[in-house]
Amino acid sequence: MKIAMLHLTDGQHCAAVVDERERRCWPVAELLPGFDGDILALIRDWERIAPRLAPSGHGRPLDEARCLAPLRPPRNLFCVGKNYRAHAAEFARSGFDRTAAAGEDAPEAPVIFTKTPQTVIGDSEPIPRHAGTTAALDYEAELAVVIGRGGRGIARERAMEHVWGYTIANDVTARDLQARHRQWFLGKSLDGFCPLGPWLVSADAFDPARARIRCWVDDELRQDACTGDLIFDIPTLIATLSAGIALQPGDLILTGTPAGVGIGFEPPRFLQAGQRVRIAIDGIGTLQNPIGA
């Protein structure tokens, strides 16, 4: 099932069930009279609500609505760096990586950092250029995991039981800040630096081990990989994070980006105002955002 946060033509914002193929949507409040929550409320009560989300009738035209950020995470997003071998290698060669050990071609354990909730924007929203703060704006196409059932000390073998679903994320990065400050938080967390969407896909409708992930800048294909190429898979990431941090419903885990980011070119090819970044993951959809002035 695909669930979106939509801005409808009558001005209201609502959670809705989406049929991407038929380009139709059904506001949850019309399927569940009295419901007035967002997608986080759905996730928190999913086991009770899901059986009642049965679209009927023609619904509404999806093309007449605008997708908002599907989820406003309740706290910082969990992110994973250098989780594809080819990207870890291109990052090491770039001169922007101040964290790699000498001769390291891949990390020995997941590299974890965070982004603030204020980084999240929706499909088609402009990514702020922050021209006075960074001169090295870069893109990172990623599969994002949405936690449905929280917990601490989650065993790797039970980890997927805690996944509600998935979405697409763009881990936008100010590479000069990332290098200058050595730790990645500042370079990753400027406002608007995490386009998310266009919607969420429930875990029963998506295979995270077999999906193709691609990223274009304007019409040029820059990234093309399989999510199954992750160095540390989703169960490992959940077990690692939850070992001492209690995960909560609605937490987001960005799983890492494949090779082909701007710093992987010689010279680097950073994003400029007016360009457009488009990310597609098979089985989820397409997220695209212009670069603001």
C-alpha atoms as a PDB file:
ATOM      1  CA  MET A   1       0.000   0.000   0.000  1.00  0.00           C
ATOM      2  CA  LYS A   2       1.160   3.531  -0.814  1.00  0.00           C
ATOM      3  CA  ILE A   3       0.302   6.326   1.602  1.00  0.00           C
ATOM      4  CA  ALA A   4       0.842  10.014   0.826  1.00  0.00           C
ATOM      5  CA  MET A   5       0.343  13.342   2.542  1.00  0.00           C
ATOM      6  CA  LEU A   6      -1.536  15.449   0.029  1.00  0.00           C
ATOM      7  CA  HIS A   7      -2.520  19.067  -0.445  1.00  0.00           C
ATOM      8  CA  LEU A   8      -5.940  18.861  -2.079  1.00  0.00           C
ATOM      9  CA  THR A   9      -7.575  21.392  -4.369  1.00  0.00           C
ATOM     10  CA  ASP A  10      -9.876  22.537  -1.568  1.00  0.00           C
ATOM     11  CA  GLY A  11      -6.824  23.517   0.477  1.00  0.00           C
ATOM     12  CA  GLN A  12      -6.894  20.732   3.029  1.00  0.00           C
ATOM     13  CA  HIS A  13      -3.909  18.551   3.916  1.00  0.00           C
ATOM     14  CA  CYS A  14      -4.654  14.894   4.434  1.00  0.00           C
ATOM     15  CA  ALA A  15      -3.193  11.409   4.532  1.00  0.00           C
ATOM     16  CA  ALA A  16      -4.397   9.377   1.558  1.00  0.00           C
ATOM     17  CA  VAL A  17      -4.124   5.934   0.021  1.00  0.00           C
ATOM     18  CA  VAL A  18      -2.572   6.210  -3.449  1.00  0.00           C
ATOM     19  CA  ASP A  19      -2.912   4.104  -6.578  1.00  0.00           C
ATOM     20  CA  GLU A  20       0.020   5.316  -8.658  1.00  0.00           C
ATOM     21  CA  ARG A  21      -0.870   3.246 -11.717  1.00  0.00           C
ATOM     22  CA  GLU A  22      -4.434   4.549 -11.925  1.00  0.00           C
ATOM     23  CA  ARG A  23      -3.420   8.018 -10.675  1.00  0.00           C
ATOM     24  CA  ARG A  24      -6.157   8.006  -8.018  1.00  0.00           C
ATOM     25  CA  CYS A  25      -6.188   8.697  -4.283  1.00  0.00           C
ATOM     26  CA  TRP A  26      -8.529   8.150  -1.347  1.00  0.00           C
ATOM     27  CA  PRO A  27      -8.265  10.429   1.723  1.00  0.00           C
ATOM     28  CA  VAL A  28      -7.980   8.309   4.845  1.00  0.00           C
ATOM     29  CA  ALA A  29     -10.614  10.452   6.572  1.00  0.00           C
ATOM     30  CA  GLU A  30     -13.125   9.327   3.926  1.00  0.00           C
ATOM     31  CA  LEU A  31     -12.234   5.670   4.447  1.00  0.00           C
ATOM     32  CA  LEU A  32     -12.135   6.029   8.242  1.00  0.00           C
ATOM     33  CA  PRO A  33     -14.721   8.632   9.273  1.00  0.00           C
ATOM     34  CA  GLY A  34     -13.450  10.628  12.222  1.00  0.00           C
ATOM     35  CA  PHE A  35      -9.746  10.144  11.458  1.00  0.00           C
ATOM     36  CA  ASP A  36      -7.951  13.493  11.412  1.00  0.00           C
ATOM     37  CA  GLY A  37      -4.326  12.464  11.943  1.00  0.00           C
ATOM     38  CA  ASP A  38      -1.253  12.401   9.748  1.00  0.00           C
ATOM     39  CA  ILE A  39       0.784   9.456   8.484  1.00  0.00           C
ATOM     40  CA  LEU A  40       2.670   9.179  11.772  1.00  0.00           C
ATOM     41  CA  ALA A  41      -0.665   8.603  13.496  1.00  0.00           C
ATOM     42  CA  LEU A  42      -1.419   5.867  10.970  1.00  0.00           C
ATOM     43  CA  ILE A  43       1.937   4.183  11.569  1.00  0.00           C
ATOM     44  CA  ARG A  44       1.488   4.242  15.338  1.00  0.00           C
ATOM     45  CA  ASP A  45      -1.890   2.502  15.071  1.00  0.00           C
ATOM     46  CA  TRP A  46      -1.274   0.562  11.856  1.00  0.00           C
ATOM     47  CA  GLU A  47      -2.271  -2.933  12.961  1.00  0.00           C
ATOM     48  CA  ARG A  48      -5.739  -1.714  13.921  1.00  0.00           C
ATOM     49  CA  ILE A  49      -6.216   0.717  11.040  1.00  0.00           C
ATOM     50  CA  ALA A  50      -4.714  -1.159   8.072  1.00  0.00           C
ATOM     51  CA  PRO A  51      -7.517  -3.722   7.624  1.00  0.00           C
ATOM     52  CA  ARG A  52     -10.000  -0.844   7.302  1.00  0.00           C
ATOM     53  CA  LEU A  53      -8.092   1.011   4.561  1.00  0.00           C
ATOM     54  CA  ALA A  54      -9.908  -0.540   1.625  1.00  0.00           C
ATOM     55  CA  PRO A  55     -10.311   2.005  -1.198  1.00  0.00           C
ATOM     56  CA  SER A  56     -13.704   1.893  -2.881  1.00  0.00           C
ATOM     57  CA  GLY A  57     -15.252   3.880  -5.684  1.00  0.00           C
ATOM     58  CA  HIS A  58     -13.317   6.152  -7.991  1.00  0.00           C
ATOM     59  CA  GLY A  59     -11.571   8.226  -5.328  1.00  0.00           C
ATOM     60  CA  ARG A  60     -10.016  11.493  -6.450  1.00  0.00           C
ATOM     61  CA  PRO A  61      -7.617  12.323  -9.293  1.00  0.00           C
ATOM     62  CA  LEU A  62      -4.089  12.162  -7.915  1.00  0.00           C
ATOM     63  CA  ASP A  63      -2.900  14.680 -10.497  1.00  0.00           C
ATOM     64  CA  GLU A  64      -5.153  17.323  -8.944  1.00  0.00           C
ATOM     65  CA  ALA A  65      -3.364  16.989  -5.594  1.00  0.00           C
ATOM     66  CA  ARG A  66       0.162  17.965  -4.577  1.00  0.00           C
ATOM     67  CA  CYS A  67       2.373  15.581  -2.622  1.00  0.00           C
ATOM     68  CA  LEU A  68       3.759  16.983   0.611  1.00  0.00           C
ATOM     69  CA  ALA A  69       6.583  15.431   2.626  1.00  0.00           C
ATOM     70  CA  PRO A  70       4.998  12.090   3.556  1.00  0.00           C
ATOM     71  CA  LEU A  71       6.409  12.028   7.064  1.00  0.00           C
ATOM     72  CA  ARG A  72       7.585  14.626   9.541  1.00  0.00           C
ATOM     73  CA  PRO A  73       9.896  12.537  11.716  1.00  0.00           C
ATOM     74  CA  PRO A  74       9.518  13.159  15.451  1.00  0.00           C
ATOM     75  CA  ARG A  75      13.296  13.471  15.916  1.00  0.00           C
ATOM     76  CA  ASN A  76      16.567  13.473  13.967  1.00  0.00           C
ATOM     77  CA  LEU A  77      16.839  11.122  11.004  1.00  0.00           C
ATOM     78  CA  PHE A  78      19.332   8.253  11.314  1.00  0.00           C
ATOM     79  CA  CYS A  79      21.669   8.138   8.303  1.00  0.00           C
ATOM     80  CA  VAL A  80      24.357   5.746   7.098  1.00  0.00           C
ATOM     81  CA  GLY A  81      27.486   6.843   5.256  1.00  0.00           C
ATOM     82  CA  LYS A  82      29.671   4.914   2.826  1.00  0.00           C
ATOM     83  CA  ASN A  83      27.341   1.920   2.636  1.00  0.00           C
ATOM     84  CA  TYR A  84      28.061   1.010  -1.024  1.00  0.00           C
ATOM     85  CA  ARG A  85      31.644  -0.053  -1.795  1.00  0.00           C
ATOM     86  CA  ALA A  86      31.969   1.945  -5.016  1.00  0.00           C
ATOM     87  CA  HIS A  87      30.728   5.095  -3.285  1.00  0.00           C
ATOM     88  CA  ALA A  88      33.083   4.559  -0.345  1.00  0.00           C
ATOM     89  CA  ALA A  89      35.937   4.362  -2.867  1.00  0.00           C
ATOM     90  CA  GLU A  90      34.900   7.487  -4.801  1.00  0.00           C
ATOM     91  CA  PHE A  91      34.486   9.390  -1.547  1.00  0.00           C
ATOM     92  CA  ALA A  92      37.956   8.362  -0.380  1.00  0.00           C
ATOM     93  CA  ARG A  93      39.472   9.533  -3.701  1.00  0.00           C
ATOM     94  CA  SER A  94      37.618  12.848  -3.652  1.00  0.00           C
ATOM     95  CA  GLY A  95      39.650  14.543  -0.939  1.00  0.00           C
ATOM     96  CA  PHE A  96      36.459  15.443   0.956  1.00  0.00           C
ATOM     97  CA  ASP A  97      36.508  12.427   3.302  1.00  0.00           C
ATOM     98  CA  ARG A  98      38.245  13.218   6.580  1.00  0.00           C
ATOM     99  CA  THR A  99      37.013  10.054   8.313  1.00  0.00           C
ATOM    100  CA  ALA A 100      38.520   7.106   6.407  1.00  0.00           C
ATOM    101  CA  ALA A 101      41.454   5.133   7.770  1.00  0.00           C
ATOM    102  CA  ALA A 102      44.520   4.897   5.529  1.00  0.00           C
ATOM    103  CA  GLY A 103      43.947   2.315   2.799  1.00  0.00           C
ATOM    104  CA  GLU A 104      40.347   1.724   3.813  1.00  0.00           C
ATOM    105  CA  ASP A 105      38.065   0.748   0.918  1.00  0.00           C
ATOM    106  CA  ALA A 106      34.965   0.193   3.058  1.00  0.00           C
ATOM    107  CA  PRO A 107      34.094   0.783   6.725  1.00  0.00           C
ATOM    108  CA  GLU A 108      34.283  -2.111   9.186  1.00  0.00           C
ATOM    109  CA  ALA A 109      31.070  -1.034  10.931  1.00  0.00           C
ATOM    110  CA  PRO A 110      28.151   1.185   9.883  1.00  0.00           C
ATOM    111  CA  VAL A 111      29.019   4.891   9.755  1.00  0.00           C
ATOM    112  CA  ILE A 112      26.110   6.637  11.481  1.00  0.00           C
ATOM    113  CA  PHE A 113      25.232  10.338  11.453  1.00  0.00           C
ATOM    114  CA  THR A 114      21.996  12.329  11.706  1.00  0.00           C
ATOM    115  CA  LYS A 115      20.015  15.022   9.956  1.00  0.00           C
ATOM    116  CA  THR A 116      17.537  17.298  11.714  1.00  0.00           C
ATOM    117  CA  PRO A 117      13.769  17.044  11.064  1.00  0.00           C
ATOM    118  CA  GLN A 118      13.951  20.541   9.536  1.00  0.00           C
ATOM    119  CA  THR A 119      15.865  19.083   6.582  1.00  0.00           C
ATOM    120  CA  VAL A 120      12.726  17.295   5.342  1.00  0.00           C
ATOM    121  CA  ILE A 121      10.898  18.734   2.336  1.00  0.00           C
ATOM    122  CA  GLY A 122       8.470  17.143  -0.103  1.00  0.00           C
ATOM    123  CA  ASP A 123       8.428  16.166  -3.748  1.00  0.00           C
ATOM    124  CA  SER A 124       8.819  19.136  -6.155  1.00  0.00           C
ATOM    125  CA  GLU A 125       9.814  21.556  -3.383  1.00  0.00           C
ATOM    126  CA  PRO A 126      12.967  23.548  -4.183  1.00  0.00           C
ATOM    127  CA  ILE A 127      16.137  22.472  -2.394  1.00  0.00           C
ATOM    128  CA  PRO A 128      17.561  25.640  -0.803  1.00  0.00           C
ATOM    129  CA  ARG A 129      20.804  26.646  -2.465  1.00  0.00           C
ATOM    130  CA  HIS A 130      22.316  28.179   0.701  1.00  0.00           C
ATOM    131  CA  ALA A 131      24.718  30.054  -1.604  1.00  0.00           C
ATOM    132  CA  GLY A 132      26.144  32.147   1.190  1.00  0.00           C
ATOM    133  CA  THR A 133      26.998  29.063   3.237  1.00  0.00           C
ATOM    134  CA  THR A 134      28.197  26.407   0.765  1.00  0.00           C
ATOM    135  CA  ALA A 135      29.771  26.339  -2.686  1.00  0.00           C
ATOM    136  CA  ALA A 136      29.698  22.524  -2.965  1.00  0.00           C
ATOM    137  CA  LEU A 137      26.100  21.320  -3.039  1.00  0.00           C
ATOM    138  CA  ASP A 138      25.771  17.596  -3.763  1.00  0.00           C
ATOM    139  CA  TYR A 139      23.033  14.941  -4.119  1.00  0.00           C
ATOM    140  CA  GLU A 140      22.768  11.411  -2.689  1.00  0.00           C
ATOM    141  CA  ALA A 141      19.958   9.079  -3.799  1.00  0.00           C
ATOM    142  CA  GLU A 142      18.936   6.728  -0.984  1.00  0.00           C
ATOM    143  CA  LEU A 143      16.409   4.160   0.135  1.00  0.00           C
ATOM    144  CA  ALA A 144      14.864   5.240   3.444  1.00  0.00           C
ATOM    145  CA  VAL A 145      13.415   2.796   5.988  1.00  0.00           C
ATOM    146  CA  VAL A 146      10.407   3.756   8.110  1.00  0.00           C
ATOM    147  CA  ILE A 147      10.220   2.148  11.545  1.00  0.00           C
ATOM    148  CA  GLY A 148       6.777   0.921  12.520  1.00  0.00           C
ATOM    149  CA  ARG A 149       7.299  -0.912  15.793  1.00  0.00           C
ATOM    150  CA  GLY A 150       9.822   0.537  18.183  1.00  0.00           C
ATOM    151  CA  GLY A 151      12.195  -1.231  20.501  1.00  0.00           C
ATOM    152  CA  ARG A 152      15.669  -1.415  22.010  1.00  0.00           C
ATOM    153  CA  GLY A 153      18.107  -4.291  21.585  1.00  0.00           C
ATOM    154  CA  ILE A 154      16.371  -5.591  18.461  1.00  0.00           C
ATOM    155  CA  ALA A 155      17.957  -8.820  17.233  1.00  0.00           C
ATOM    156  CA  ARG A 156      19.072  -8.853  13.627  1.00  0.00           C
ATOM    157  CA  GLU A 157      16.876 -11.900  13.006  1.00  0.00           C
ATOM    158  CA  ARG A 158      13.765  -9.975  14.160  1.00  0.00           C
ATOM    159  CA  ALA A 159      14.673  -6.588  12.737  1.00  0.00           C
ATOM    160  CA  MET A 160      12.391  -6.629   9.692  1.00  0.00           C
ATOM    161  CA  GLU A 161       9.393  -7.113  11.987  1.00  0.00           C
ATOM    162  CA  HIS A 162       9.992  -3.517  13.097  1.00  0.00           C
ATOM    163  CA  VAL A 163       9.906  -2.016   9.586  1.00  0.00           C
ATOM    164  CA  TRP A 164       6.677  -0.286   8.572  1.00  0.00           C
ATOM    165  CA  GLY A 165       7.805   0.562   5.073  1.00  0.00           C
ATOM    166  CA  TYR A 166      10.024   2.573   2.768  1.00  0.00           C
ATOM    167  CA  THR A 167      10.396   5.799   0.826  1.00  0.00           C
ATOM    168  CA  ILE A 168      12.947   7.697  -1.287  1.00  0.00           C
ATOM    169  CA  ALA A 169      15.341  10.233   0.212  1.00  0.00           C
ATOM    170  CA  ASN A 170      17.892  12.664  -1.183  1.00  0.00           C
ATOM    171  CA  ASP A 171      20.658  13.129   1.396  1.00  0.00           C
ATOM    172  CA  VAL A 172      21.675  16.570   0.128  1.00  0.00           C
ATOM    173  CA  THR A 173      25.145  17.528   1.366  1.00  0.00           C
ATOM    174  CA  ALA A 174      27.316  20.624   1.564  1.00  0.00           C
ATOM    175  CA  ARG A 175      30.623  18.900   0.793  1.00  0.00           C
ATOM    176  CA  ASP A 176      32.794  21.844   1.823  1.00  0.00           C
ATOM    177  CA  LEU A 177      31.144  21.968   5.255  1.00  0.00           C
ATOM    178  CA  GLN A 178      31.357  18.189   5.561  1.00  0.00           C
ATOM    179  CA  ALA A 179      35.117  18.322   4.971  1.00  0.00           C
ATOM    180  CA  ARG A 180      35.823  21.472   6.971  1.00  0.00           C
ATOM    181  CA  HIS A 181      34.046  20.385  10.128  1.00  0.00           C
ATOM    182  CA  ARG A 182      35.146  16.716   9.876  1.00  0.00           C
ATOM    183  CA  GLN A 183      31.993  15.400  11.537  1.00  0.00           C
ATOM    184  CA  TRP A 184      29.156  15.366   9.015  1.00  0.00           C
ATOM    185  CA  PHE A 185      26.216  16.814  10.935  1.00  0.00           C
ATOM    186  CA  LEU A 186      26.545  20.424   9.823  1.00  0.00           C
ATOM    187  CA  GLY A 187      27.155  19.656   6.150  1.00  0.00           C
ATOM    188  CA  LYS A 188      24.156  17.334   6.085  1.00  0.00           C
ATOM    189  CA  SER A 189      21.659  19.317   8.144  1.00  0.00           C
ATOM    190  CA  LEU A 190      21.091  22.672   6.490  1.00  0.00           C
ATOM    191  CA  ASP A 191      17.383  23.429   6.276  1.00  0.00           C
ATOM    192  CA  GLY A 192      15.729  21.664   3.345  1.00  0.00           C
ATOM    193  CA  PHE A 193      18.550  19.162   2.840  1.00  0.00           C
ATOM    194  CA  CYS A 194      16.379  16.011   2.820  1.00  0.00           C
ATOM    195  CA  PRO A 195      13.747  15.761   0.085  1.00  0.00           C
ATOM    196  CA  LEU A 196      11.519  12.794   0.952  1.00  0.00           C
ATOM    197  CA  GLY A 197       8.747  10.987  -0.889  1.00  0.00           C
ATOM    198  CA  PRO A 198       6.728  11.171  -2.948  1.00  0.00           C
ATOM    199  CA  TRP A 199       4.919   8.757  -0.609  1.00  0.00           C
ATOM    200  CA  LEU A 200       5.546   5.805   1.695  1.00  0.00           C
ATOM    201  CA  VAL A 201       5.225   2.178   0.622  1.00  0.00           C
ATOM    202  CA  SER A 202       4.279  -0.433   3.215  1.00  0.00           C
ATOM    203  CA  ALA A 203       6.735  -3.267   3.832  1.00  0.00           C
ATOM    204  CA  ASP A 204       4.450  -5.934   2.369  1.00  0.00           C
ATOM    205  CA  ALA A 205       4.533  -4.183  -1.030  1.00  0.00           C
ATOM    206  CA  PHE A 206       8.279  -3.693  -1.509  1.00  0.00           C
ATOM    207  CA  ASP A 207      11.398  -5.871  -1.569  1.00  0.00           C
ATOM    208  CA  PRO A 208      14.343  -3.765  -0.304  1.00  0.00           C
ATOM    209  CA  ALA A 209      16.917  -6.312  -1.455  1.00  0.00           C
ATOM    210  CA  ARG A 210      16.109  -6.249  -5.163  1.00  0.00           C
ATOM    211  CA  ALA A 211      15.211  -2.703  -6.176  1.00  0.00           C
ATOM    212  CA  ARG A 212      17.020  -0.551  -8.724  1.00  0.00           C
ATOM    213  CA  ILE A 213      17.909   2.961  -7.541  1.00  0.00           C
ATOM    214  CA  ARG A 214      18.754   5.702 -10.057  1.00  0.00           C
ATOM    215  CA  CYS A 215      19.433   9.416  -9.925  1.00  0.00           C
ATOM    216  CA  TRP A 216      19.455  12.005 -12.702  1.00  0.00           C
ATOM    217  CA  VAL A 217      20.646  15.606 -12.632  1.00  0.00           C
ATOM    218  CA  ASP A 218      18.516  17.277 -15.257  1.00  0.00           C
ATOM    219  CA  ASP A 219      18.428  14.493 -17.888  1.00  0.00           C
ATOM    220  CA  GLU A 220      21.852  12.976 -17.139  1.00  0.00           C
ATOM    221  CA  LEU A 221      21.876   9.640 -15.329  1.00  0.00           C
ATOM    222  CA  ARG A 222      24.422   9.925 -12.508  1.00  0.00           C
ATOM    223  CA  GLN A 223      23.659   6.992 -10.154  1.00  0.00           C
ATOM    224  CA  ASP A 224      22.442   3.499 -11.063  1.00  0.00           C
ATOM    225  CA  ALA A 225      22.674   0.614  -8.592  1.00  0.00           C
ATOM    226  CA  CYS A 226      20.745  -2.098  -6.763  1.00  0.00           C
ATOM    227  CA  THR A 227      19.703  -1.674  -3.142  1.00  0.00           C
ATOM    228  CA  GLY A 228      20.898  -5.234  -2.605  1.00  0.00           C
ATOM    229  CA  ASP A 229      24.481  -3.970  -2.935  1.00  0.00           C
ATOM    230  CA  LEU A 230      24.443  -2.375   0.521  1.00  0.00           C
ATOM    231  CA  ILE A 231      27.503  -3.275   2.598  1.00  0.00           C
ATOM    232  CA  PHE A 232      25.414  -3.325   5.785  1.00  0.00           C
ATOM    233  CA  ASP A 233      21.870  -4.519   5.141  1.00  0.00           C
ATOM    234  CA  ILE A 234      18.740  -3.206   6.821  1.00  0.00           C
ATOM    235  CA  PRO A 235      18.616  -5.822   9.627  1.00  0.00           C
ATOM    236  CA  THR A 236      22.228  -4.996  10.510  1.00  0.00           C
ATOM    237  CA  LEU A 237      21.472  -1.274  10.602  1.00  0.00           C
ATOM    238  CA  ILE A 238      18.430  -1.744  12.839  1.00  0.00           C
ATOM    239  CA  ALA A 239      20.314  -4.045  15.212  1.00  0.00           C
ATOM    240  CA  THR A 240      23.245  -1.607  15.368  1.00  0.00           C
ATOM    241  CA  LEU A 241      21.116   1.461  16.075  1.00  0.00           C
ATOM    242  CA  SER A 242      18.777  -0.199  18.546  1.00  0.00           C
ATOM    243  CA  ALA A 243      21.546  -1.788  20.592  1.00  0.00           C
ATOM    244  CA  GLY A 244      21.525   1.243  22.889  1.00  0.00           C
ATOM    245  CA  ILE A 245      18.925   3.573  21.358  1.00  0.00           C
ATOM    246  CA  ALA A 246      15.225   2.768  21.576  1.00  0.00           C
ATOM    247  CA  LEU A 247      13.786   3.109  18.092  1.00  0.00           C
ATOM    248  CA  GLN A 248      10.358   4.721  17.833  1.00  0.00           C
ATOM    249  CA  PRO A 249       7.477   4.486  15.347  1.00  0.00           C
ATOM    250  CA  GLY A 250       8.125   6.970  12.556  1.00  0.00           C
ATOM    251  CA  ASP A 251      11.904   6.925  12.868  1.00  0.00           C
ATOM    252  CA  LEU A 252      13.640   7.171   9.495  1.00  0.00           C
ATOM    253  CA  ILE A 253      16.841   5.357   8.554  1.00  0.00           C
ATOM    254  CA  LEU A 254      18.589   6.511   5.354  1.00  0.00           C
ATOM    255  CA  THR A 255      20.567   3.498   4.182  1.00  0.00           C
ATOM    256  CA  GLY A 256      23.338   5.127   2.138  1.00  0.00           C
ATOM    257  CA  THR A 257      23.977   6.215  -1.439  1.00  0.00           C
ATOM    258  CA  PRO A 258      25.613   4.417  -4.379  1.00  0.00           C
ATOM    259  CA  ALA A 259      28.466   5.736  -6.530  1.00  0.00           C
ATOM    260  CA  GLY A 260      27.944   8.622  -8.919  1.00  0.00           C
ATOM    261  CA  VAL A 261      27.599  11.624  -6.629  1.00  0.00           C
ATOM    262  CA  GLY A 262      29.026  14.993  -7.656  1.00  0.00           C
ATOM    263  CA  ILE A 263      32.339  14.572  -5.819  1.00  0.00           C
ATOM    264  CA  GLY A 264      32.961  11.369  -7.769  1.00  0.00           C
ATOM    265  CA  PHE A 265      33.696  13.355 -10.947  1.00  0.00           C
ATOM    266  CA  GLU A 266      36.971  15.075 -11.848  1.00  0.00           C
ATOM    267  CA  PRO A 267      36.502  17.931 -11.370  1.00  0.00           C
ATOM    268  CA  PRO A 268      33.500  17.612  -8.998  1.00  0.00           C
ATOM    269  CA  ARG A 269      30.118  18.446 -10.492  1.00  0.00           C
ATOM    270  CA  PHE A 270      28.173  20.284  -7.826  1.00  0.00           C
ATOM    271  CA  LEU A 271      24.541  21.306  -8.102  1.00  0.00           C
ATOM    272  CA  GLN A 272      23.650  24.745  -9.425  1.00  0.00           C
ATOM    273  CA  ALA A 273      20.541  26.884  -9.142  1.00  0.00           C
ATOM    274  CA  GLY A 274      17.886  25.836 -11.634  1.00  0.00           C
ATOM    275  CA  GLN A 275      19.024  22.239 -12.005  1.00  0.00           C
ATOM    276  CA  ARG A 276      16.679  19.398 -11.133  1.00  0.00           C
ATOM    277  CA  VAL A 277      17.470  16.185  -9.248  1.00  0.00           C
ATOM    278  CA  ARG A 278      15.272  13.172  -9.990  1.00  0.00           C
ATOM    279  CA  ILE A 279      15.514   9.901  -8.044  1.00  0.00           C
ATOM    280  CA  ALA A 280      13.633   6.709  -8.900  1.00  0.00           C
ATOM    281  CA  ILE A 281      13.457   3.473  -6.934  1.00  0.00           C
ATOM    282  CA  ASP A 282      11.616   0.583  -8.577  1.00  0.00           C
ATOM    283  CA  GLY A 283       8.527  -0.306  -6.579  1.00  0.00           C
ATOM    284  CA  ILE A 284       8.298   3.061  -4.836  1.00  0.00           C
ATOM    285  CA  GLY A 285       8.160   5.859  -7.391  1.00  0.00           C
ATOM    286  CA  THR A 286      10.005   9.025  -8.351  1.00  0.00           C
ATOM    287  CA  LEU A 287      11.142  11.961  -6.214  1.00  0.00           C
ATOM    288  CA  GLN A 288      12.252  15.117  -7.961  1.00  0.00           C
ATOM    289  CA  ASN A 289      13.262  18.556  -6.735  1.00  0.00           C
ATOM    290  CA  PRO A 290      14.657  21.685  -8.371  1.00  0.00           C
ATOM    291  CA  ILE A 291      17.613  23.556  -6.899  1.00  0.00           C
ATOM    292  CA  GLY A 292      16.477  26.929  -5.623  1.00  0.00           C
ATOM    293  CA  ALA A 293      18.074  30.279  -6.372  1.00  0.00           C
END
